[in-house]
């Protein structure tokens, strides 16, 4: 949750998501969703949950990942999970271009920032902005990211950035805090069930160190 400066209260992003889902169920609609994913484990619960209500396309865009072999390994695990996971509505996959220069450009001067600080916020924006652009170009109803499932990621900042980009590009952002409702714990269970590769660092060279 984060404080809303206009209303002076806290936003519960899970409740905001619940309202959207309830409206879709009530109206019998199944919106399309471009879901940015950082890795198969983080997407596991998110896909299990959202595929009940949305037609999902996973967008795997993560130029922050180091080294390139790690990127390739995560891509293959993501594809394997999609092919294995039962889903009420179809799940498809788009592999984003791997260009680490994009990450190093936007984090220049922030190399010594602590994990979870300004460098991470710039990384959030980089990946979410590309997702918003692709979602708009391809006519999706919504875009969002799996990142909020991690206890180490700032869900309030992710939603703030997503909302800003939604306004900028004219595409709806799906509010989320996927660690709610036991989401993170469920992702650990699913990772074990599907024997998913779980990396021991977020992805970039700074988090690896």
N, C-alpha and C. Protein backbone atom coordinates (compact mmCIF):
# COMPACT_ATOMS: atom_id res chain seq x y z
N UNK A 1 0.85 -1.20 0.00
CA UNK A 1 0.00 0.00 0.00
C UNK A 1 0.89 1.25 0.00
N UNK A 2 0.34 2.36 -0.55
CA UNK A 2 1.06 3.62 -0.49
C UNK A 2 0.08 4.73 -0.16
N UNK A 3 0.62 5.85 0.29
CA UNK A 3 -0.25 6.97 0.61
C UNK A 3 -0.62 7.70 -0.66
N UNK A 4 -1.87 8.02 -0.83
CA UNK A 4 -2.37 8.79 -1.94
C UNK A 4 -2.41 10.25 -1.51
N UNK A 5 -1.58 11.06 -2.15
CA UNK A 5 -1.48 12.46 -1.76
C UNK A 5 -2.76 13.23 -1.93
N UNK A 6 -3.61 12.80 -2.89
CA UNK A 6 -4.86 13.51 -3.12
C UNK A 6 -5.92 13.15 -2.09
N UNK A 7 -5.94 11.90 -1.68
CA UNK A 7 -6.98 11.45 -0.76
C UNK A 7 -6.48 11.33 0.67
N UNK A 8 -5.18 11.37 0.86
CA UNK A 8 -4.61 11.33 2.20
C UNK A 8 -4.80 10.01 2.90
N UNK A 9 -4.95 8.92 2.13
CA UNK A 9 -5.10 7.62 2.76
C UNK A 9 -4.23 6.60 2.05
N UNK A 10 -4.33 5.35 2.49
CA UNK A 10 -3.50 4.30 1.91
C UNK A 10 -4.27 3.54 0.85
N UNK A 11 -3.58 3.25 -0.24
CA UNK A 11 -4.18 2.48 -1.32
C UNK A 11 -3.84 1.02 -1.11
N UNK A 12 -4.84 0.16 -1.08
CA UNK A 12 -4.63 -1.28 -1.02
C UNK A 12 -4.75 -1.79 -2.46
N UNK A 13 -3.61 -2.11 -3.07
CA UNK A 13 -3.61 -2.46 -4.49
C UNK A 13 -4.29 -3.79 -4.76
N UNK A 14 -4.26 -4.70 -3.80
CA UNK A 14 -4.96 -5.96 -3.98
C UNK A 14 -6.47 -5.71 -4.06
N UNK A 15 -6.98 -4.81 -3.22
CA UNK A 15 -8.40 -4.50 -3.26
C UNK A 15 -8.78 -3.81 -4.56
N UNK A 16 -7.87 -2.96 -5.08
CA UNK A 16 -8.12 -2.31 -6.36
C UNK A 16 -8.20 -3.35 -7.48
N UNK A 17 -7.31 -4.34 -7.42
CA UNK A 17 -7.34 -5.43 -8.40
C UNK A 17 -8.61 -6.25 -8.25
N UNK A 18 -9.00 -6.53 -7.01
CA UNK A 18 -10.23 -7.29 -6.76
C UNK A 18 -11.44 -6.62 -7.42
N UNK A 19 -11.50 -5.29 -7.33
CA UNK A 19 -12.63 -4.56 -7.91
C UNK A 19 -12.69 -4.73 -9.43
N UNK A 20 -11.53 -4.69 -10.07
CA UNK A 20 -11.47 -4.85 -11.52
C UNK A 20 -11.90 -6.26 -11.92
N UNK A 21 -11.38 -7.25 -11.18
CA UNK A 21 -11.74 -8.64 -11.47
C UNK A 21 -13.22 -8.88 -11.26
N UNK A 22 -13.76 -8.35 -10.17
CA UNK A 22 -15.19 -8.52 -9.87
C UNK A 22 -16.05 -7.92 -10.97
N UNK A 23 -15.64 -6.77 -11.49
CA UNK A 23 -16.39 -6.12 -12.57
C UNK A 23 -16.34 -6.95 -13.84
N UNK A 24 -15.18 -7.53 -14.13
CA UNK A 24 -15.05 -8.38 -15.32
C UNK A 24 -15.91 -9.62 -15.21
N UNK A 25 -15.89 -10.25 -14.06
CA UNK A 25 -16.71 -11.45 -13.85
C UNK A 25 -18.19 -11.11 -13.97
N UNK A 26 -18.57 -10.01 -13.40
CA UNK A 26 -19.98 -9.58 -13.42
C UNK A 26 -20.44 -9.31 -14.85
N UNK A 27 -19.55 -8.74 -15.67
CA UNK A 27 -19.91 -8.38 -17.03
C UNK A 27 -19.60 -9.47 -18.05
N UNK A 28 -19.00 -10.57 -17.58
CA UNK A 28 -18.70 -11.68 -18.47
C UNK A 28 -17.60 -11.40 -19.47
N UNK A 29 -16.69 -10.49 -19.13
CA UNK A 29 -15.60 -10.14 -20.05
C UNK A 29 -14.29 -10.80 -19.61
N UNK A 30 -13.41 -11.06 -20.58
CA UNK A 30 -12.08 -11.62 -20.29
C UNK A 30 -11.06 -10.71 -20.96
N UNK A 31 -10.56 -9.70 -20.25
CA UNK A 31 -9.63 -8.73 -20.85
C UNK A 31 -8.29 -9.38 -21.19
N UNK A 32 -7.59 -8.74 -22.12
CA UNK A 32 -6.24 -9.17 -22.46
C UNK A 32 -5.24 -8.42 -21.59
N UNK A 33 -4.20 -9.12 -21.17
CA UNK A 33 -3.22 -8.56 -20.25
C UNK A 33 -1.81 -8.84 -20.73
N UNK A 34 -1.00 -7.81 -20.87
CA UNK A 34 0.44 -7.99 -21.11
C UNK A 34 1.11 -7.97 -19.74
N UNK A 35 1.65 -9.11 -19.37
CA UNK A 35 2.24 -9.29 -18.04
C UNK A 35 3.76 -9.35 -18.14
N UNK A 36 4.41 -8.28 -17.72
CA UNK A 36 5.88 -8.32 -17.67
C UNK A 36 6.29 -9.31 -16.59
N UNK A 37 7.26 -10.17 -16.93
CA UNK A 37 7.74 -11.16 -15.96
C UNK A 37 9.25 -11.04 -15.82
N UNK A 38 9.70 -11.16 -14.57
CA UNK A 38 11.15 -11.12 -14.29
C UNK A 38 11.74 -12.53 -14.27
N UNK A 39 10.92 -13.53 -13.96
CA UNK A 39 11.40 -14.92 -13.92
C UNK A 39 10.22 -15.86 -13.74
N UNK A 40 10.44 -17.12 -14.02
CA UNK A 40 9.37 -18.12 -13.90
C UNK A 40 8.83 -18.23 -12.47
N UNK A 41 9.69 -18.34 -11.44
CA UNK A 41 9.15 -18.46 -10.08
C UNK A 41 8.22 -17.31 -9.68
N UNK A 42 8.60 -16.08 -10.01
CA UNK A 42 7.75 -14.94 -9.65
C UNK A 42 6.46 -14.93 -10.45
N UNK A 43 6.49 -15.49 -11.66
CA UNK A 43 5.28 -15.50 -12.48
C UNK A 43 4.35 -16.65 -12.14
N UNK A 44 4.81 -17.64 -11.39
CA UNK A 44 4.04 -18.87 -11.19
C UNK A 44 2.68 -18.61 -10.54
N UNK A 45 2.68 -18.02 -9.36
CA UNK A 45 1.41 -17.72 -8.69
C UNK A 45 0.62 -16.69 -9.49
N UNK A 46 1.31 -15.69 -10.03
CA UNK A 46 0.64 -14.63 -10.77
C UNK A 46 -0.14 -15.20 -11.95
N UNK A 47 0.47 -16.15 -12.66
CA UNK A 47 -0.21 -16.78 -13.78
C UNK A 47 -1.36 -17.67 -13.31
N UNK A 48 -1.11 -18.44 -12.26
CA UNK A 48 -2.15 -19.31 -11.73
C UNK A 48 -3.39 -18.49 -11.34
N UNK A 49 -3.16 -17.35 -10.73
CA UNK A 49 -4.22 -16.48 -10.24
C UNK A 49 -4.91 -15.73 -11.38
N UNK A 50 -4.13 -14.99 -12.17
CA UNK A 50 -4.72 -14.09 -13.16
C UNK A 50 -5.28 -14.79 -14.38
N UNK A 51 -4.76 -15.97 -14.71
CA UNK A 51 -5.24 -16.66 -15.92
C UNK A 51 -6.68 -17.15 -15.75
N UNK A 52 -7.21 -17.08 -14.55
CA UNK A 52 -8.63 -17.38 -14.34
C UNK A 52 -9.52 -16.28 -14.92
N UNK A 53 -8.95 -15.06 -15.05
CA UNK A 53 -9.76 -13.90 -15.39
C UNK A 53 -9.28 -13.14 -16.63
N UNK A 54 -8.04 -13.39 -17.07
CA UNK A 54 -7.45 -12.64 -18.18
C UNK A 54 -6.85 -13.58 -19.22
N UNK A 55 -6.81 -13.10 -20.46
CA UNK A 55 -6.03 -13.74 -21.50
C UNK A 55 -4.64 -13.09 -21.43
N UNK A 56 -3.65 -13.87 -21.02
CA UNK A 56 -2.34 -13.31 -20.66
C UNK A 56 -1.30 -13.58 -21.74
N UNK A 57 -0.50 -12.55 -22.00
CA UNK A 57 0.74 -12.71 -22.76
C UNK A 57 1.88 -12.29 -21.84
N UNK A 58 2.78 -13.22 -21.58
CA UNK A 58 3.98 -12.89 -20.81
C UNK A 58 4.94 -12.11 -21.70
N UNK A 59 5.41 -10.99 -21.19
CA UNK A 59 6.44 -10.21 -21.89
C UNK A 59 7.72 -10.30 -21.08
N UNK A 60 8.68 -11.03 -21.63
CA UNK A 60 9.93 -11.24 -20.91
C UNK A 60 10.97 -10.23 -21.40
N UNK A 61 10.99 -9.08 -20.73
CA UNK A 61 11.93 -8.01 -21.08
C UNK A 61 12.73 -7.64 -19.84
N UNK A 62 13.99 -8.04 -19.82
CA UNK A 62 14.83 -7.84 -18.63
C UNK A 62 16.29 -7.61 -19.02
N UNK A 63 16.60 -6.43 -19.56
CA UNK A 63 17.99 -6.15 -19.97
C UNK A 63 18.93 -5.96 -18.78
N UNK A 64 18.37 -5.95 -17.57
CA UNK A 64 19.18 -5.82 -16.35
C UNK A 64 19.91 -7.11 -16.00
N UNK A 65 19.46 -8.24 -16.54
CA UNK A 65 19.99 -9.53 -16.09
C UNK A 65 21.44 -9.73 -16.54
N UNK A 66 22.23 -10.26 -15.63
CA UNK A 66 23.65 -10.51 -15.87
C UNK A 66 24.01 -11.89 -15.32
N UNK A 67 24.79 -12.67 -16.06
CA UNK A 67 25.28 -12.46 -17.43
C UNK A 67 24.25 -12.93 -18.45
N UNK A 68 24.62 -12.93 -19.72
CA UNK A 68 23.68 -13.30 -20.79
C UNK A 68 23.21 -14.74 -20.64
N UNK A 69 24.08 -15.63 -20.14
CA UNK A 69 23.69 -17.02 -19.93
C UNK A 69 22.54 -17.13 -18.93
N UNK A 70 22.56 -16.25 -17.93
CA UNK A 70 21.49 -16.23 -16.94
C UNK A 70 20.17 -15.81 -17.59
N UNK A 71 20.25 -14.84 -18.47
CA UNK A 71 19.06 -14.39 -19.19
C UNK A 71 18.45 -15.55 -19.97
N UNK A 72 19.29 -16.27 -20.71
CA UNK A 72 18.81 -17.39 -21.51
C UNK A 72 18.19 -18.49 -20.66
N UNK A 73 18.79 -18.74 -19.51
CA UNK A 73 18.28 -19.78 -18.62
C UNK A 73 16.90 -19.41 -18.09
N UNK A 74 16.72 -18.14 -17.74
CA UNK A 74 15.43 -17.70 -17.22
C UNK A 74 14.35 -17.71 -18.30
N UNK A 75 14.74 -17.38 -19.53
CA UNK A 75 13.79 -17.43 -20.64
C UNK A 75 13.25 -18.85 -20.82
N UNK A 76 14.16 -19.82 -20.83
CA UNK A 76 13.75 -21.21 -21.04
C UNK A 76 12.86 -21.72 -19.90
N UNK A 77 13.17 -21.32 -18.67
CA UNK A 77 12.33 -21.71 -17.54
C UNK A 77 10.95 -21.08 -17.64
N UNK A 78 10.91 -19.84 -18.12
CA UNK A 78 9.62 -19.17 -18.28
C UNK A 78 8.76 -19.91 -19.31
N UNK A 79 9.35 -20.28 -20.43
CA UNK A 79 8.63 -21.01 -21.48
C UNK A 79 8.15 -22.36 -20.95
N UNK A 80 9.00 -23.03 -20.21
CA UNK A 80 8.65 -24.35 -19.69
C UNK A 80 7.46 -24.26 -18.75
N UNK A 81 7.47 -23.25 -17.89
CA UNK A 81 6.35 -23.08 -16.96
C UNK A 81 5.04 -22.81 -17.71
N UNK A 82 5.09 -21.94 -18.70
CA UNK A 82 3.89 -21.62 -19.47
C UNK A 82 3.31 -22.88 -20.10
N UNK A 83 4.17 -23.73 -20.63
CA UNK A 83 3.72 -24.95 -21.29
C UNK A 83 3.22 -26.00 -20.30
N UNK A 84 3.59 -25.88 -19.03
CA UNK A 84 3.24 -26.89 -18.03
C UNK A 84 2.07 -26.50 -17.15
N UNK A 85 1.87 -25.22 -16.96
CA UNK A 85 0.90 -24.74 -15.97
C UNK A 85 -0.53 -24.77 -16.53
N UNK A 86 -1.45 -25.45 -15.84
CA UNK A 86 -2.85 -25.43 -16.28
C UNK A 86 -3.40 -24.01 -16.19
N UNK A 87 -4.18 -23.61 -17.20
CA UNK A 87 -4.73 -22.25 -17.20
C UNK A 87 -6.11 -22.25 -17.82
N UNK A 88 -7.02 -21.52 -17.22
CA UNK A 88 -8.39 -21.44 -17.74
C UNK A 88 -8.41 -20.73 -19.09
N UNK A 89 -7.58 -19.67 -19.21
CA UNK A 89 -7.50 -18.91 -20.46
C UNK A 89 -6.06 -19.01 -20.99
N UNK A 90 -5.88 -18.88 -22.30
CA UNK A 90 -4.56 -19.11 -22.90
C UNK A 90 -3.49 -18.14 -22.41
N UNK A 91 -2.27 -18.66 -22.35
CA UNK A 91 -1.09 -17.85 -21.99
C UNK A 91 -0.10 -17.93 -23.14
N UNK A 92 0.30 -16.80 -23.65
CA UNK A 92 1.29 -16.76 -24.73
C UNK A 92 2.55 -16.03 -24.25
N UNK A 93 3.53 -15.92 -25.13
CA UNK A 93 4.86 -15.46 -24.71
C UNK A 93 5.48 -14.56 -25.76
N UNK A 94 6.06 -13.45 -25.30
CA UNK A 94 6.87 -12.57 -26.14
C UNK A 94 8.22 -12.41 -25.47
N UNK A 95 9.28 -12.71 -26.18
CA UNK A 95 10.62 -12.53 -25.64
C UNK A 95 11.15 -11.16 -26.06
N UNK A 96 11.44 -10.31 -25.07
CA UNK A 96 11.99 -9.00 -25.36
C UNK A 96 13.46 -9.08 -25.73
N UNK A 97 13.93 -8.07 -26.40
CA UNK A 97 15.33 -8.02 -26.82
C UNK A 97 16.24 -7.90 -25.59
N UNK A 98 17.34 -8.65 -25.62
CA UNK A 98 18.31 -8.56 -24.53
C UNK A 98 19.40 -7.57 -24.94
N UNK A 99 19.37 -6.39 -24.35
CA UNK A 99 20.35 -5.36 -24.64
C UNK A 99 20.76 -4.71 -23.32
N UNK A 100 21.77 -5.26 -22.65
CA UNK A 100 22.15 -4.74 -21.33
C UNK A 100 22.58 -3.29 -21.33
N UNK A 101 22.95 -2.76 -22.50
CA UNK A 101 23.34 -1.34 -22.57
C UNK A 101 22.19 -0.45 -22.13
N UNK A 102 20.96 -0.89 -22.38
CA UNK A 102 19.81 -0.10 -21.96
C UNK A 102 19.79 0.04 -20.45
N UNK A 103 20.10 -1.04 -19.75
CA UNK A 103 20.12 -1.01 -18.29
C UNK A 103 21.26 -0.15 -17.76
N UNK A 104 22.46 -0.31 -18.32
CA UNK A 104 23.61 0.44 -17.83
C UNK A 104 23.48 1.93 -18.12
N UNK A 105 22.78 2.27 -19.19
CA UNK A 105 22.56 3.68 -19.52
C UNK A 105 21.67 4.36 -18.48
N UNK A 106 20.59 3.70 -18.11
CA UNK A 106 19.65 4.36 -17.19
C UNK A 106 20.12 4.30 -15.74
N UNK A 107 21.10 3.44 -15.44
CA UNK A 107 21.61 3.35 -14.07
C UNK A 107 22.98 4.02 -13.90
N UNK A 108 23.44 4.70 -14.94
CA UNK A 108 24.74 5.38 -14.85
C UNK A 108 24.72 6.42 -13.73
N UNK A 109 25.72 6.36 -12.85
CA UNK A 109 25.78 7.26 -11.72
C UNK A 109 25.09 6.73 -10.48
N UNK A 110 24.39 5.59 -10.64
CA UNK A 110 23.65 5.00 -9.52
C UNK A 110 24.26 3.66 -9.09
N UNK A 111 25.46 3.41 -9.56
CA UNK A 111 26.08 2.11 -9.32
C UNK A 111 26.25 1.79 -7.83
N UNK A 112 26.43 2.80 -7.01
CA UNK A 112 26.67 2.58 -5.58
C UNK A 112 25.40 2.69 -4.73
N UNK A 113 24.28 2.85 -5.38
CA UNK A 113 23.01 2.90 -4.66
C UNK A 113 22.75 1.55 -3.99
N UNK A 114 22.15 1.54 -2.82
CA UNK A 114 21.83 0.26 -2.16
C UNK A 114 20.71 -0.46 -2.90
N UNK A 115 20.62 -1.77 -2.71
CA UNK A 115 19.53 -2.53 -3.29
C UNK A 115 18.20 -1.99 -2.77
N UNK A 116 17.25 -1.85 -3.68
CA UNK A 116 15.94 -1.32 -3.30
C UNK A 116 15.86 0.19 -3.37
N UNK A 117 16.95 0.85 -3.82
CA UNK A 117 16.98 2.31 -3.88
C UNK A 117 16.69 2.86 -5.27
N UNK A 118 17.28 4.02 -5.56
CA UNK A 118 16.98 4.72 -6.81
C UNK A 118 17.35 3.92 -8.05
N UNK A 119 18.42 3.16 -7.98
CA UNK A 119 18.81 2.34 -9.15
C UNK A 119 17.71 1.34 -9.49
N UNK A 120 17.16 0.71 -8.48
CA UNK A 120 16.08 -0.25 -8.69
C UNK A 120 14.83 0.44 -9.25
N UNK A 121 14.55 1.65 -8.77
CA UNK A 121 13.38 2.37 -9.27
C UNK A 121 13.53 2.68 -10.76
N UNK A 122 14.75 3.05 -11.18
CA UNK A 122 14.99 3.30 -12.59
C UNK A 122 14.82 2.02 -13.41
N UNK A 123 15.23 0.91 -12.83
CA UNK A 123 15.08 -0.38 -13.49
C UNK A 123 13.60 -0.76 -13.61
N UNK A 124 12.83 -0.50 -12.57
CA UNK A 124 11.38 -0.73 -12.64
C UNK A 124 10.80 0.04 -13.84
N UNK A 125 11.16 1.32 -13.89
CA UNK A 125 10.59 2.19 -14.93
C UNK A 125 10.99 1.72 -16.33
N UNK A 126 12.24 1.34 -16.49
CA UNK A 126 12.71 0.88 -17.79
C UNK A 126 11.85 -0.27 -18.29
N UNK A 127 11.65 -1.27 -17.44
CA UNK A 127 10.91 -2.47 -17.86
C UNK A 127 9.41 -2.21 -17.99
N UNK A 128 8.87 -1.43 -17.08
CA UNK A 128 7.45 -1.11 -17.17
C UNK A 128 7.13 -0.22 -18.36
N UNK A 129 8.02 0.71 -18.68
CA UNK A 129 7.75 1.60 -19.81
C UNK A 129 7.75 0.83 -21.12
N UNK A 130 8.71 -0.06 -21.29
CA UNK A 130 8.73 -0.89 -22.49
C UNK A 130 7.47 -1.74 -22.56
N UNK A 131 7.02 -2.24 -21.42
CA UNK A 131 5.80 -3.04 -21.38
C UNK A 131 4.59 -2.22 -21.78
N UNK A 132 4.52 -0.99 -21.28
CA UNK A 132 3.39 -0.11 -21.63
C UNK A 132 3.37 0.18 -23.12
N UNK A 133 4.53 0.40 -23.70
CA UNK A 133 4.63 0.69 -25.14
C UNK A 133 4.15 -0.50 -25.96
N UNK A 134 4.63 -1.68 -25.60
CA UNK A 134 4.24 -2.90 -26.33
C UNK A 134 2.74 -3.16 -26.16
N UNK A 135 2.23 -2.99 -24.94
CA UNK A 135 0.81 -3.21 -24.68
C UNK A 135 -0.05 -2.27 -25.53
N UNK A 136 0.36 -1.02 -25.64
CA UNK A 136 -0.37 -0.04 -26.45
C UNK A 136 -0.31 -0.41 -27.92
N UNK A 137 0.89 -0.74 -28.39
CA UNK A 137 1.07 -1.07 -29.81
C UNK A 137 0.24 -2.28 -30.22
N UNK A 138 0.14 -3.26 -29.34
CA UNK A 138 -0.52 -4.52 -29.68
C UNK A 138 -1.98 -4.59 -29.23
N UNK A 139 -2.47 -3.49 -28.67
CA UNK A 139 -3.88 -3.40 -28.36
C UNK A 139 -4.35 -4.20 -27.15
N UNK A 140 -3.49 -4.37 -26.16
CA UNK A 140 -3.91 -5.05 -24.93
C UNK A 140 -4.82 -4.14 -24.10
N UNK A 141 -5.66 -4.78 -23.30
CA UNK A 141 -6.53 -4.00 -22.41
C UNK A 141 -5.77 -3.46 -21.21
N UNK A 142 -4.83 -4.26 -20.69
CA UNK A 142 -4.07 -3.88 -19.49
C UNK A 142 -2.61 -4.30 -19.64
N UNK A 143 -1.76 -3.68 -18.81
CA UNK A 143 -0.40 -4.18 -18.61
C UNK A 143 -0.09 -4.13 -17.12
N UNK A 144 0.79 -5.00 -16.68
CA UNK A 144 1.29 -4.97 -15.30
C UNK A 144 2.55 -5.82 -15.24
N UNK A 145 3.07 -6.04 -14.03
CA UNK A 145 4.31 -6.78 -13.85
C UNK A 145 4.20 -7.74 -12.68
N UNK A 146 4.98 -8.81 -12.74
CA UNK A 146 5.05 -9.78 -11.64
C UNK A 146 5.90 -9.28 -10.48
N UNK A 147 6.62 -8.19 -10.66
CA UNK A 147 7.64 -7.78 -9.69
C UNK A 147 7.11 -7.58 -8.28
N UNK A 148 5.84 -7.18 -8.15
CA UNK A 148 5.32 -6.88 -6.82
C UNK A 148 5.15 -8.12 -5.94
N UNK A 149 5.34 -9.30 -6.50
CA UNK A 149 5.22 -10.51 -5.67
C UNK A 149 6.39 -10.66 -4.71
N UNK A 150 7.51 -10.04 -5.01
CA UNK A 150 8.69 -10.18 -4.18
C UNK A 150 8.62 -9.29 -2.94
N UNK A 151 8.91 -9.83 -1.76
CA UNK A 151 8.96 -9.01 -0.55
C UNK A 151 10.07 -7.95 -0.62
N UNK A 152 11.00 -8.14 -1.54
CA UNK A 152 12.13 -7.20 -1.67
C UNK A 152 11.86 -6.07 -2.65
N UNK A 153 10.70 -6.12 -3.33
CA UNK A 153 10.37 -5.08 -4.30
C UNK A 153 9.33 -4.13 -3.70
N UNK A 154 9.47 -2.87 -4.08
CA UNK A 154 8.61 -1.81 -3.54
C UNK A 154 7.32 -1.74 -4.37
N UNK A 155 6.27 -2.37 -3.87
CA UNK A 155 5.01 -2.44 -4.60
C UNK A 155 4.40 -1.06 -4.82
N UNK A 156 4.51 -0.18 -3.83
CA UNK A 156 3.96 1.16 -3.96
C UNK A 156 4.62 1.91 -5.11
N UNK A 157 5.94 1.79 -5.20
CA UNK A 157 6.68 2.47 -6.27
C UNK A 157 6.34 1.87 -7.63
N UNK A 158 6.22 0.55 -7.69
CA UNK A 158 5.85 -0.11 -8.95
C UNK A 158 4.49 0.38 -9.44
N UNK A 159 3.53 0.48 -8.53
CA UNK A 159 2.19 0.93 -8.91
C UNK A 159 2.17 2.41 -9.27
N UNK A 160 2.98 3.18 -8.59
CA UNK A 160 3.08 4.61 -8.92
C UNK A 160 3.63 4.79 -10.33
N UNK A 161 4.69 4.06 -10.65
CA UNK A 161 5.29 4.14 -11.99
C UNK A 161 4.30 3.63 -13.04
N UNK A 162 3.67 2.48 -12.75
CA UNK A 162 2.71 1.92 -13.69
C UNK A 162 1.57 2.87 -14.00
N UNK A 163 1.06 3.53 -12.97
CA UNK A 163 -0.04 4.48 -13.16
C UNK A 163 0.40 5.68 -13.99
N UNK A 164 1.61 6.17 -13.73
CA UNK A 164 2.14 7.30 -14.51
C UNK A 164 2.27 6.93 -15.99
N UNK A 165 2.78 5.72 -16.25
CA UNK A 165 2.97 5.28 -17.63
C UNK A 165 1.63 5.02 -18.32
N UNK A 166 0.65 4.57 -17.56
CA UNK A 166 -0.69 4.37 -18.12
C UNK A 166 -1.24 5.68 -18.67
N UNK A 167 -1.05 6.75 -17.91
CA UNK A 167 -1.49 8.07 -18.34
C UNK A 167 -0.69 8.54 -19.55
N UNK A 168 0.61 8.32 -19.51
CA UNK A 168 1.50 8.78 -20.58
C UNK A 168 1.16 8.11 -21.91
N UNK A 169 0.88 6.81 -21.89
CA UNK A 169 0.71 6.06 -23.14
C UNK A 169 -0.75 5.72 -23.46
N UNK A 170 -1.67 6.06 -22.57
CA UNK A 170 -3.07 5.79 -22.85
C UNK A 170 -3.41 4.32 -22.85
N UNK A 171 -2.86 3.59 -21.89
CA UNK A 171 -3.11 2.16 -21.75
C UNK A 171 -3.35 1.86 -20.28
N UNK A 172 -4.32 1.04 -19.95
CA UNK A 172 -4.68 0.82 -18.54
C UNK A 172 -3.64 -0.06 -17.83
N UNK A 173 -3.27 0.37 -16.64
CA UNK A 173 -2.36 -0.39 -15.78
C UNK A 173 -3.17 -1.19 -14.78
N UNK A 174 -2.83 -2.45 -14.61
CA UNK A 174 -3.53 -3.31 -13.66
C UNK A 174 -2.83 -3.20 -12.30
N UNK A 175 -3.46 -2.58 -11.30
CA UNK A 175 -2.83 -2.43 -9.99
C UNK A 175 -2.60 -3.79 -9.36
N UNK A 176 -1.51 -3.91 -8.60
CA UNK A 176 -1.20 -5.23 -8.05
C UNK A 176 -0.26 -5.14 -6.85
N UNK A 177 -0.43 -6.09 -5.98
CA UNK A 177 0.55 -6.38 -4.94
C UNK A 177 0.45 -7.88 -4.73
N UNK A 178 1.10 -8.63 -5.61
CA UNK A 178 0.87 -10.07 -5.70
C UNK A 178 1.36 -10.87 -4.50
N UNK A 179 2.11 -10.22 -3.61
CA UNK A 179 2.51 -10.93 -2.39
C UNK A 179 1.33 -11.10 -1.41
N UNK A 180 0.27 -10.32 -1.64
CA UNK A 180 -0.94 -10.43 -0.81
C UNK A 180 -1.62 -11.78 -1.06
N UNK A 181 -2.51 -12.14 -0.17
CA UNK A 181 -3.25 -13.41 -0.25
C UNK A 181 -2.32 -14.62 -0.28
N UNK A 182 -1.15 -14.48 0.34
CA UNK A 182 -0.20 -15.58 0.37
C UNK A 182 0.46 -15.85 -0.96
N UNK A 183 0.50 -14.85 -1.83
CA UNK A 183 1.04 -15.03 -3.17
C UNK A 183 2.49 -15.45 -3.22
N UNK A 184 3.31 -14.82 -2.39
CA UNK A 184 4.73 -15.16 -2.39
C UNK A 184 4.94 -16.60 -1.92
N UNK A 185 4.25 -16.98 -0.87
CA UNK A 185 4.37 -18.35 -0.35
C UNK A 185 3.89 -19.37 -1.39
N UNK A 186 2.81 -19.03 -2.10
CA UNK A 186 2.31 -19.92 -3.14
C UNK A 186 3.33 -20.05 -4.28
N UNK A 187 4.03 -18.97 -4.60
CA UNK A 187 5.03 -19.03 -5.67
C UNK A 187 6.17 -19.98 -5.30
N UNK A 188 6.50 -20.04 -4.01
CA UNK A 188 7.54 -20.97 -3.55
C UNK A 188 7.05 -22.40 -3.70
N UNK A 189 5.79 -22.64 -3.33
CA UNK A 189 5.21 -23.98 -3.48
C UNK A 189 5.19 -24.41 -4.94
N UNK A 190 4.75 -23.52 -5.82
CA UNK A 190 4.68 -23.86 -7.25
C UNK A 190 6.06 -24.08 -7.84
N UNK A 191 7.03 -23.31 -7.37
CA UNK A 191 8.40 -23.49 -7.85
C UNK A 191 8.91 -24.89 -7.52
N UNK A 192 8.54 -25.38 -6.34
CA UNK A 192 8.92 -26.73 -5.95
C UNK A 192 8.18 -27.77 -6.78
N UNK A 193 6.87 -27.55 -6.98
CA UNK A 193 6.05 -28.50 -7.74
C UNK A 193 6.55 -28.66 -9.17
N UNK A 194 6.97 -27.56 -9.77
CA UNK A 194 7.41 -27.58 -11.17
C UNK A 194 8.93 -27.63 -11.30
N UNK A 195 9.60 -27.77 -10.16
CA UNK A 195 11.06 -27.86 -10.14
C UNK A 195 11.70 -26.70 -10.91
N UNK A 196 11.25 -25.50 -10.61
CA UNK A 196 11.74 -24.32 -11.30
C UNK A 196 13.09 -23.87 -10.77
N UNK A 197 13.91 -23.39 -11.66
CA UNK A 197 15.19 -22.80 -11.27
C UNK A 197 14.92 -21.49 -10.54
N UNK A 198 15.35 -21.41 -9.29
CA UNK A 198 15.20 -20.20 -8.48
C UNK A 198 16.58 -19.58 -8.26
N UNK A 199 16.82 -18.47 -8.90
CA UNK A 199 18.09 -17.77 -8.79
C UNK A 199 18.24 -17.19 -7.38
N UNK A 200 19.48 -16.95 -6.97
CA UNK A 200 19.72 -16.41 -5.63
C UNK A 200 20.06 -14.93 -5.64
N UNK A 201 19.75 -14.25 -6.76
CA UNK A 201 19.91 -12.80 -6.82
C UNK A 201 18.88 -12.26 -7.81
N UNK A 202 18.57 -10.98 -7.67
CA UNK A 202 17.50 -10.39 -8.47
C UNK A 202 17.76 -10.54 -9.96
N UNK A 203 18.98 -10.22 -10.38
CA UNK A 203 19.27 -10.36 -11.80
C UNK A 203 20.44 -9.53 -12.30
N UNK A 204 20.62 -8.32 -11.78
CA UNK A 204 21.67 -7.45 -12.30
C UNK A 204 23.01 -7.73 -11.60
N UNK A 205 24.06 -7.21 -12.18
CA UNK A 205 25.40 -7.44 -11.66
C UNK A 205 25.56 -6.86 -10.25
N UNK A 206 24.81 -5.79 -9.96
CA UNK A 206 24.92 -5.16 -8.65
C UNK A 206 24.27 -6.04 -7.57
N UNK A 207 23.13 -6.62 -7.89
CA UNK A 207 22.48 -7.51 -6.91
C UNK A 207 23.27 -8.80 -6.75
N UNK A 208 23.95 -9.23 -7.80
CA UNK A 208 24.77 -10.45 -7.72
C UNK A 208 25.92 -10.23 -6.74
N UNK A 209 26.50 -9.03 -6.77
CA UNK A 209 27.61 -8.72 -5.89
C UNK A 209 27.16 -8.59 -4.44
